Amino acid sequence: MRESQRAGALGIRQKTPRDRETATLHLRQGDDAGAAANRRIRELLGLDAATSVYEVIFATLGPDADSDRHLSINSRSTLQVMAEFASFTDVPAADIDEGRVDLVPRSAGQQRLFAPLLHVASGDTPPKDAYAAVRYRGRWFWIDDRDLRS
């Protein structure tokens, strides 16, 4: 989807300004890169290749899409989002050893398929060029100012 969006071939819109819970996914004609990305999106999500507009259904329990012209999205809770972001923090080994943090290692395959959403570095000294930094329990945690993805 990121490749399609970069190629200007993907958009998501609310159906109407008042209807904030209903959206549509638009897979537009684009350059070759956009068209290839859109073909892959349709293939992976089992979407009808003959259409370019799909209704987005926000499901709370399991998939709700009843056709290949619907895209069902199961959203995460705020706690799940916070836990996911926290998993991209460089955790001091002492905090793991003392049982303050649970470290969930990712395999190389998981790293490749699901690239980190952000990177939070940590260290004993204040960072020199941080976008955001906080001191917690005597250590510094920060996002580097050059880390545009984060």
N, C-alpha and C. Protein backbone atom coordinates (compact mmCIF):
# COMPACT_ATOMS: atom_id res chain seq x y z
N MET A 1 0.82 -1.19 0.00
CA MET A 1 0.00 0.00 0.00
C MET A 1 0.87 1.25 0.00
N ARG A 2 2.00 1.19 0.71
CA ARG A 2 2.91 2.33 0.73
C ARG A 2 3.43 2.62 -0.68
N GLU A 3 3.78 1.55 -1.43
CA GLU A 3 4.27 1.75 -2.79
C GLU A 3 3.20 2.38 -3.67
N SER A 4 1.97 1.93 -3.54
CA SER A 4 0.87 2.50 -4.32
C SER A 4 0.64 3.95 -3.94
N GLN A 5 0.69 4.24 -2.66
CA GLN A 5 0.49 5.61 -2.18
C GLN A 5 1.60 6.52 -2.70
N ARG A 6 2.84 6.05 -2.66
CA ARG A 6 3.96 6.85 -3.17
C ARG A 6 3.81 7.15 -4.66
N ALA A 7 3.20 6.21 -5.38
CA ALA A 7 3.00 6.38 -6.82
C ALA A 7 1.75 7.20 -7.12
N GLY A 8 1.04 7.64 -6.09
CA GLY A 8 -0.16 8.44 -6.29
C GLY A 8 -1.34 7.63 -6.78
N ALA A 9 -1.32 6.32 -6.53
CA ALA A 9 -2.35 5.44 -7.05
C ALA A 9 -3.28 4.89 -5.98
N LEU A 10 -3.19 5.39 -4.75
CA LEU A 10 -4.04 4.90 -3.66
C LEU A 10 -4.56 6.09 -2.86
N GLY A 11 -5.82 6.00 -2.50
CA GLY A 11 -6.40 7.02 -1.64
C GLY A 11 -7.47 6.42 -0.76
N ILE A 12 -7.69 7.01 0.40
CA ILE A 12 -8.77 6.59 1.30
C ILE A 12 -9.57 7.83 1.63
N ARG A 13 -10.90 7.73 1.50
CA ARG A 13 -11.77 8.87 1.76
C ARG A 13 -12.94 8.47 2.63
N GLN A 14 -13.40 9.43 3.42
CA GLN A 14 -14.68 9.24 4.11
C GLN A 14 -15.76 9.36 3.05
N LYS A 15 -16.84 8.60 3.22
CA LYS A 15 -17.92 8.68 2.23
C LYS A 15 -18.54 10.08 2.23
N THR A 16 -18.81 10.61 3.41
CA THR A 16 -19.29 11.98 3.54
C THR A 16 -18.61 12.58 4.75
N PRO A 17 -18.50 13.90 4.83
CA PRO A 17 -17.86 14.50 6.01
C PRO A 17 -18.55 14.12 7.32
N ARG A 18 -19.85 13.88 7.28
CA ARG A 18 -20.58 13.54 8.52
C ARG A 18 -20.47 12.07 8.87
N ASP A 19 -20.20 11.23 7.89
CA ASP A 19 -20.16 9.78 8.10
C ASP A 19 -18.71 9.37 8.34
N ARG A 20 -18.21 9.56 9.55
CA ARG A 20 -16.80 9.32 9.85
C ARG A 20 -16.46 7.86 10.01
N GLU A 21 -17.43 6.97 10.07
CA GLU A 21 -17.13 5.56 10.28
C GLU A 21 -17.17 4.76 8.98
N THR A 22 -17.47 5.42 7.88
CA THR A 22 -17.51 4.72 6.60
C THR A 22 -16.50 5.38 5.66
N ALA A 23 -15.66 4.56 5.08
CA ALA A 23 -14.63 5.08 4.18
C ALA A 23 -14.56 4.21 2.94
N THR A 24 -13.91 4.74 1.93
CA THR A 24 -13.68 3.99 0.70
C THR A 24 -12.19 4.01 0.37
N LEU A 25 -11.72 2.89 -0.16
CA LEU A 25 -10.35 2.76 -0.63
C LEU A 25 -10.39 2.90 -2.14
N HIS A 26 -9.57 3.78 -2.69
CA HIS A 26 -9.53 4.03 -4.12
C HIS A 26 -8.18 3.59 -4.67
N LEU A 27 -8.19 2.64 -5.59
CA LEU A 27 -6.98 2.22 -6.29
C LEU A 27 -7.06 2.81 -7.68
N ARG A 28 -6.33 3.90 -7.90
CA ARG A 28 -6.41 4.67 -9.14
C ARG A 28 -5.39 4.17 -10.16
N GLN A 29 -5.65 4.53 -11.41
CA GLN A 29 -4.68 4.28 -12.46
C GLN A 29 -3.46 5.14 -12.15
N GLY A 30 -2.33 4.60 -12.29
CA GLY A 30 -1.11 5.36 -12.04
C GLY A 30 -0.04 4.92 -13.01
N ASP A 31 1.19 5.23 -12.70
CA ASP A 31 2.29 4.78 -13.54
C ASP A 31 2.47 3.28 -13.36
N ASP A 32 3.48 2.71 -13.98
CA ASP A 32 3.70 1.27 -13.91
C ASP A 32 3.89 0.78 -12.47
N ALA A 33 4.61 1.56 -11.65
CA ALA A 33 4.85 1.16 -10.27
C ALA A 33 3.54 1.14 -9.49
N GLY A 34 2.69 2.14 -9.71
CA GLY A 34 1.39 2.20 -9.03
C GLY A 34 0.48 1.06 -9.46
N ALA A 35 0.47 0.78 -10.75
CA ALA A 35 -0.37 -0.32 -11.26
C ALA A 35 0.09 -1.66 -10.71
N ALA A 36 1.39 -1.87 -10.64
CA ALA A 36 1.93 -3.12 -10.11
C ALA A 36 1.59 -3.25 -8.62
N ALA A 37 1.74 -2.17 -7.89
CA ALA A 37 1.43 -2.20 -6.45
C ALA A 37 -0.06 -2.49 -6.25
N ASN A 38 -0.92 -1.88 -7.06
CA ASN A 38 -2.36 -2.10 -6.93
C ASN A 38 -2.75 -3.54 -7.28
N ARG A 39 -2.11 -4.11 -8.28
CA ARG A 39 -2.37 -5.53 -8.60
C ARG A 39 -2.02 -6.41 -7.40
N ARG A 40 -0.90 -6.11 -6.76
CA ARG A 40 -0.46 -6.90 -5.60
C ARG A 40 -1.42 -6.71 -4.42
N ILE A 41 -1.90 -5.50 -4.21
CA ILE A 41 -2.87 -5.24 -3.14
C ILE A 41 -4.12 -6.08 -3.37
N ARG A 42 -4.63 -6.04 -4.60
CA ARG A 42 -5.85 -6.81 -4.92
C ARG A 42 -5.61 -8.31 -4.70
N GLU A 43 -4.45 -8.78 -5.13
CA GLU A 43 -4.13 -10.20 -4.99
C GLU A 43 -4.04 -10.60 -3.52
N LEU A 44 -3.32 -9.84 -2.73
CA LEU A 44 -3.12 -10.18 -1.32
C LEU A 44 -4.41 -10.10 -0.51
N LEU A 45 -5.27 -9.13 -0.84
CA LEU A 45 -6.49 -8.93 -0.07
C LEU A 45 -7.70 -9.61 -0.69
N GLY A 46 -7.53 -10.26 -1.83
CA GLY A 46 -8.64 -10.96 -2.48
C GLY A 46 -9.71 -10.01 -2.97
N LEU A 47 -9.29 -8.86 -3.50
CA LEU A 47 -10.24 -7.85 -3.99
C LEU A 47 -10.54 -8.04 -5.47
N ASP A 48 -11.73 -7.64 -5.86
CA ASP A 48 -12.18 -7.71 -7.25
C ASP A 48 -11.26 -6.85 -8.12
N ALA A 49 -10.67 -7.46 -9.13
CA ALA A 49 -9.74 -6.74 -10.01
C ALA A 49 -10.46 -5.82 -10.98
N ALA A 50 -11.78 -5.98 -11.14
CA ALA A 50 -12.52 -5.19 -12.11
C ALA A 50 -13.00 -3.85 -11.56
N THR A 51 -12.81 -3.61 -10.29
CA THR A 51 -13.27 -2.35 -9.71
C THR A 51 -12.10 -1.58 -9.13
N SER A 52 -12.30 -0.31 -8.86
CA SER A 52 -11.22 0.51 -8.31
C SER A 52 -11.61 1.16 -6.98
N VAL A 53 -12.87 1.01 -6.57
CA VAL A 53 -13.34 1.59 -5.31
C VAL A 53 -13.89 0.47 -4.43
N TYR A 54 -13.40 0.41 -3.20
CA TYR A 54 -13.80 -0.65 -2.27
C TYR A 54 -14.29 0.00 -0.98
N GLU A 55 -15.38 -0.51 -0.44
CA GLU A 55 -15.89 0.00 0.83
C GLU A 55 -15.06 -0.58 1.96
N VAL A 56 -14.61 0.29 2.85
CA VAL A 56 -13.83 -0.13 4.01
C VAL A 56 -14.80 -0.35 5.16
N ILE A 57 -14.73 -1.54 5.73
CA ILE A 57 -15.60 -1.90 6.86
C ILE A 57 -14.72 -2.03 8.08
N PHE A 58 -15.05 -1.29 9.13
CA PHE A 58 -14.29 -1.35 10.37
C PHE A 58 -14.91 -2.41 11.26
N ALA A 59 -14.25 -3.55 11.35
CA ALA A 59 -14.78 -4.69 12.09
C ALA A 59 -14.20 -4.70 13.50
N THR A 60 -15.00 -5.18 14.44
CA THR A 60 -14.51 -5.30 15.81
C THR A 60 -14.17 -6.74 16.16
N LEU A 61 -14.83 -7.69 15.55
CA LEU A 61 -14.57 -9.10 15.82
C LEU A 61 -14.48 -9.86 14.51
N GLY A 62 -13.28 -10.19 14.09
CA GLY A 62 -13.10 -11.01 12.90
C GLY A 62 -13.48 -10.28 11.62
N PRO A 63 -13.20 -10.90 10.48
CA PRO A 63 -13.50 -10.28 9.20
C PRO A 63 -15.00 -10.19 8.95
N ASP A 64 -15.44 -9.02 8.47
CA ASP A 64 -16.84 -8.80 8.18
C ASP A 64 -17.11 -8.61 6.69
N ALA A 65 -16.08 -8.60 5.87
CA ALA A 65 -16.29 -8.36 4.45
C ALA A 65 -17.10 -9.49 3.84
N ASP A 66 -18.18 -9.12 3.16
CA ASP A 66 -19.04 -10.15 2.58
C ASP A 66 -18.87 -10.25 1.07
N SER A 67 -17.92 -9.55 0.51
CA SER A 67 -17.66 -9.66 -0.92
C SER A 67 -16.24 -9.21 -1.21
N ASP A 68 -15.84 -9.39 -2.45
CA ASP A 68 -14.50 -8.97 -2.85
C ASP A 68 -14.46 -7.49 -3.22
N ARG A 69 -15.52 -6.76 -2.86
CA ARG A 69 -15.56 -5.30 -3.05
C ARG A 69 -15.57 -4.57 -1.71
N HIS A 70 -15.32 -5.32 -0.64
CA HIS A 70 -15.22 -4.75 0.71
C HIS A 70 -13.85 -5.07 1.29
N LEU A 71 -13.35 -4.15 2.09
CA LEU A 71 -12.10 -4.36 2.79
C LEU A 71 -12.39 -4.23 4.27
N SER A 72 -12.20 -5.32 5.01
CA SER A 72 -12.48 -5.35 6.44
C SER A 72 -11.21 -5.03 7.21
N ILE A 73 -11.30 -4.05 8.11
CA ILE A 73 -10.15 -3.66 8.93
C ILE A 73 -10.51 -3.89 10.39
N ASN A 74 -9.69 -4.67 11.06
CA ASN A 74 -9.84 -4.86 12.50
C ASN A 74 -8.89 -3.90 13.19
N SER A 75 -9.42 -2.94 13.89
CA SER A 75 -8.58 -1.93 14.52
C SER A 75 -8.02 -2.45 15.85
N ARG A 76 -6.98 -1.80 16.32
CA ARG A 76 -6.34 -2.17 17.58
C ARG A 76 -6.77 -1.18 18.67
N SER A 77 -6.70 -1.64 19.90
CA SER A 77 -6.99 -0.76 21.02
C SER A 77 -5.79 0.16 21.23
N THR A 78 -5.99 1.23 21.97
CA THR A 78 -4.90 2.15 22.29
C THR A 78 -3.79 1.41 23.04
N LEU A 79 -4.15 0.52 23.93
CA LEU A 79 -3.15 -0.24 24.67
C LEU A 79 -2.32 -1.11 23.72
N GLN A 80 -2.95 -1.75 22.74
CA GLN A 80 -2.22 -2.56 21.77
C GLN A 80 -1.26 -1.70 20.94
N VAL A 81 -1.70 -0.51 20.55
CA VAL A 81 -0.84 0.39 19.78
C VAL A 81 0.36 0.81 20.63
N MET A 82 0.12 1.16 21.89
CA MET A 82 1.21 1.57 22.77
C MET A 82 2.21 0.43 22.99
N ALA A 83 1.71 -0.79 23.17
CA ALA A 83 2.59 -1.95 23.36
C ALA A 83 3.42 -2.20 22.11
N GLU A 84 2.83 -2.05 20.94
CA GLU A 84 3.56 -2.24 19.68
C GLU A 84 4.68 -1.21 19.55
N PHE A 85 4.36 0.06 19.80
CA PHE A 85 5.39 1.09 19.73
C PHE A 85 6.50 0.85 20.75
N ALA A 86 6.14 0.44 21.94
CA ALA A 86 7.12 0.18 22.99
C ALA A 86 8.09 -0.92 22.59
N SER A 87 7.64 -1.84 21.76
CA SER A 87 8.49 -2.96 21.37
C SER A 87 9.65 -2.53 20.47
N PHE A 88 9.66 -1.29 20.02
CA PHE A 88 10.74 -0.79 19.16
C PHE A 88 11.72 0.08 19.93
N THR A 89 11.78 -0.11 21.25
CA THR A 89 12.68 0.65 22.11
C THR A 89 13.91 -0.19 22.43
N ASP A 90 15.10 0.42 22.33
CA ASP A 90 16.32 -0.24 22.76
C ASP A 90 16.26 -0.32 24.28
N VAL A 91 16.08 -1.51 24.80
CA VAL A 91 15.92 -1.70 26.24
C VAL A 91 17.27 -2.04 26.86
N PRO A 92 17.63 -1.35 27.93
CA PRO A 92 18.89 -1.69 28.62
C PRO A 92 18.84 -3.13 29.14
N ALA A 93 19.95 -3.84 28.99
CA ALA A 93 20.03 -5.24 29.42
C ALA A 93 19.72 -5.38 30.91
N ALA A 94 20.12 -4.40 31.71
CA ALA A 94 19.86 -4.46 33.15
C ALA A 94 18.36 -4.47 33.44
N ASP A 95 17.58 -3.73 32.66
CA ASP A 95 16.13 -3.71 32.86
C ASP A 95 15.50 -5.06 32.53
N ILE A 96 16.06 -5.76 31.55
CA ILE A 96 15.57 -7.10 31.22
C ILE A 96 15.95 -8.06 32.34
N ASP A 97 17.23 -8.01 32.76
CA ASP A 97 17.73 -8.89 33.82
C ASP A 97 16.96 -8.72 35.13
N GLU A 98 16.55 -7.48 35.43
CA GLU A 98 15.85 -7.20 36.68
C GLU A 98 14.34 -7.45 36.57
N GLY A 99 13.88 -7.89 35.40
CA GLY A 99 12.46 -8.18 35.23
C GLY A 99 11.58 -6.96 35.08
N ARG A 100 12.17 -5.81 34.73
CA ARG A 100 11.39 -4.59 34.54
C ARG A 100 10.72 -4.56 33.17
N VAL A 101 11.28 -5.31 32.22
CA VAL A 101 10.82 -5.29 30.83
C VAL A 101 10.80 -6.70 30.28
N ASP A 102 9.81 -7.00 29.52
CA ASP A 102 9.74 -8.26 28.79
C ASP A 102 10.23 -8.01 27.37
N LEU A 103 11.23 -8.70 26.95
CA LEU A 103 11.76 -8.53 25.60
C LEU A 103 11.19 -9.62 24.71
N VAL A 104 10.53 -9.20 23.64
CA VAL A 104 9.98 -10.14 22.67
C VAL A 104 10.85 -10.05 21.41
N PRO A 105 11.77 -11.01 21.24
CA PRO A 105 12.66 -10.94 20.07
C PRO A 105 11.91 -11.19 18.77
N ARG A 106 12.37 -10.54 17.71
CA ARG A 106 11.80 -10.72 16.38
C ARG A 106 12.82 -11.47 15.52
N SER A 107 12.33 -12.43 14.75
CA SER A 107 13.21 -13.16 13.86
C SER A 107 13.60 -12.27 12.68
N ALA A 108 14.62 -12.69 11.95
CA ALA A 108 15.04 -11.93 10.77
C ALA A 108 13.90 -11.84 9.76
N GLY A 109 13.13 -12.93 9.62
CA GLY A 109 11.98 -12.93 8.71
C GLY A 109 10.91 -11.94 9.14
N GLN A 110 10.64 -11.87 10.44
CA GLN A 110 9.67 -10.90 10.95
C GLN A 110 10.17 -9.47 10.72
N GLN A 111 11.45 -9.25 10.92
CA GLN A 111 12.02 -7.92 10.70
C GLN A 111 11.87 -7.51 9.24
N ARG A 112 12.07 -8.48 8.33
CA ARG A 112 11.98 -8.18 6.90
C ARG A 112 10.55 -7.90 6.48
N LEU A 113 9.62 -8.73 6.96
CA LEU A 113 8.22 -8.58 6.57
C LEU A 113 7.54 -7.39 7.25
N PHE A 114 7.92 -7.15 8.50
CA PHE A 114 7.28 -6.09 9.28
C PHE A 114 8.36 -5.15 9.78
N ALA A 115 8.77 -4.26 8.93
CA ALA A 115 9.84 -3.32 9.28
C ALA A 115 9.41 -2.49 10.49
N PRO A 116 10.36 -2.16 11.36
CA PRO A 116 10.02 -1.36 12.54
C PRO A 116 9.33 -0.06 12.16
N LEU A 117 8.31 0.29 12.94
CA LEU A 117 7.56 1.52 12.71
C LEU A 117 8.34 2.73 13.20
N LEU A 118 9.15 2.53 14.22
CA LEU A 118 9.98 3.59 14.76
C LEU A 118 11.15 2.97 15.51
N HIS A 119 12.10 3.80 15.86
CA HIS A 119 13.25 3.33 16.63
C HIS A 119 13.47 4.31 17.78
N VAL A 120 13.42 3.82 19.00
CA VAL A 120 13.70 4.61 20.19
C VAL A 120 15.03 4.11 20.74
N ALA A 121 16.02 4.99 20.70
CA ALA A 121 17.36 4.64 21.19
C ALA A 121 17.43 4.92 22.69
N SER A 122 18.43 4.33 23.35
CA SER A 122 18.63 4.61 24.77
C SER A 122 20.11 4.65 25.07
N GLY A 123 20.46 5.36 26.13
CA GLY A 123 21.85 5.46 26.54
C GLY A 123 21.99 6.19 27.85
N ASP A 124 23.23 6.20 28.35
CA ASP A 124 23.51 6.83 29.64
C ASP A 124 23.70 8.34 29.54
N THR A 125 24.04 8.83 28.35
CA THR A 125 24.30 10.26 28.18
C THR A 125 23.21 10.88 27.30
N PRO A 126 22.97 12.17 27.47
CA PRO A 126 21.94 12.82 26.66
C PRO A 126 22.30 12.76 25.17
N PRO A 127 21.30 12.59 24.32
CA PRO A 127 21.57 12.53 22.87
C PRO A 127 21.99 13.91 22.35
N LYS A 128 22.79 13.91 21.28
CA LYS A 128 23.26 15.17 20.72
C LYS A 128 22.27 15.78 19.75
N ASP A 129 21.55 14.95 19.01
CA ASP A 129 20.67 15.49 17.97
C ASP A 129 19.36 14.70 17.96
N ALA A 130 18.52 14.97 18.94
CA ALA A 130 17.28 14.21 19.09
C ALA A 130 16.08 15.03 18.64
N TYR A 131 15.13 14.35 18.03
CA TYR A 131 13.83 14.97 17.72
C TYR A 131 13.05 15.11 19.03
N ALA A 132 13.08 14.06 19.83
CA ALA A 132 12.43 14.05 21.14
C ALA A 132 13.28 13.20 22.07
N ALA A 133 13.38 13.61 23.33
CA ALA A 133 14.19 12.87 24.30
C ALA A 133 13.56 12.99 25.68
N VAL A 134 13.74 11.93 26.47
CA VAL A 134 13.25 11.94 27.84
C VAL A 134 14.25 11.18 28.72
N ARG A 135 14.43 11.66 29.93
CA ARG A 135 15.27 10.97 30.90
C ARG A 135 14.34 10.19 31.82
N TYR A 136 14.62 8.89 31.96
CA TYR A 136 13.78 8.02 32.78
C TYR A 136 14.66 7.06 33.54
N ARG A 137 14.55 7.06 34.87
CA ARG A 137 15.35 6.19 35.74
C ARG A 137 16.84 6.26 35.45
N GLY A 138 17.31 7.47 35.25
CA GLY A 138 18.75 7.68 35.06
C GLY A 138 19.26 7.40 33.67
N ARG A 139 18.40 7.02 32.73
CA ARG A 139 18.83 6.75 31.34
C ARG A 139 18.08 7.69 30.41
N TRP A 140 18.66 7.88 29.23
CA TRP A 140 18.03 8.70 28.20
C TRP A 140 17.40 7.80 27.15
N PHE A 141 16.22 8.18 26.68
CA PHE A 141 15.52 7.52 25.58
C PHE A 141 15.18 8.60 24.57
N TRP A 142 15.42 8.32 23.27
CA TRP A 142 15.20 9.37 22.28
C TRP A 142 14.93 8.81 20.90
N ILE A 143 14.38 9.69 20.07
CA ILE A 143 14.22 9.45 18.63
C ILE A 143 15.17 10.41 17.95
N ASP A 144 16.06 9.88 17.13
CA ASP A 144 17.05 10.69 16.43
C ASP A 144 16.36 11.65 15.46
N ASP A 145 16.86 12.85 15.38
CA ASP A 145 16.26 13.86 14.51
C ASP A 145 16.39 13.54 13.03
N ARG A 146 17.32 12.67 12.68
CA ARG A 146 17.50 12.28 11.27
C ARG A 146 16.68 11.04 10.89
N ASP A 147 16.02 10.45 11.86
CA ASP A 147 15.22 9.25 11.63
C ASP A 147 13.82 9.66 11.17
N LEU A 148 13.70 9.94 9.87
CA LEU A 148 12.43 10.45 9.33
C LEU A 148 11.30 9.46 9.44
N ARG A 149 11.58 8.18 9.33
CA ARG A 149 10.52 7.17 9.44
C ARG A 149 9.87 7.21 10.82
N SER A 150 10.69 7.31 11.85
CA SER A 150 10.16 7.37 13.23
C SER A 150 9.41 8.67 13.44
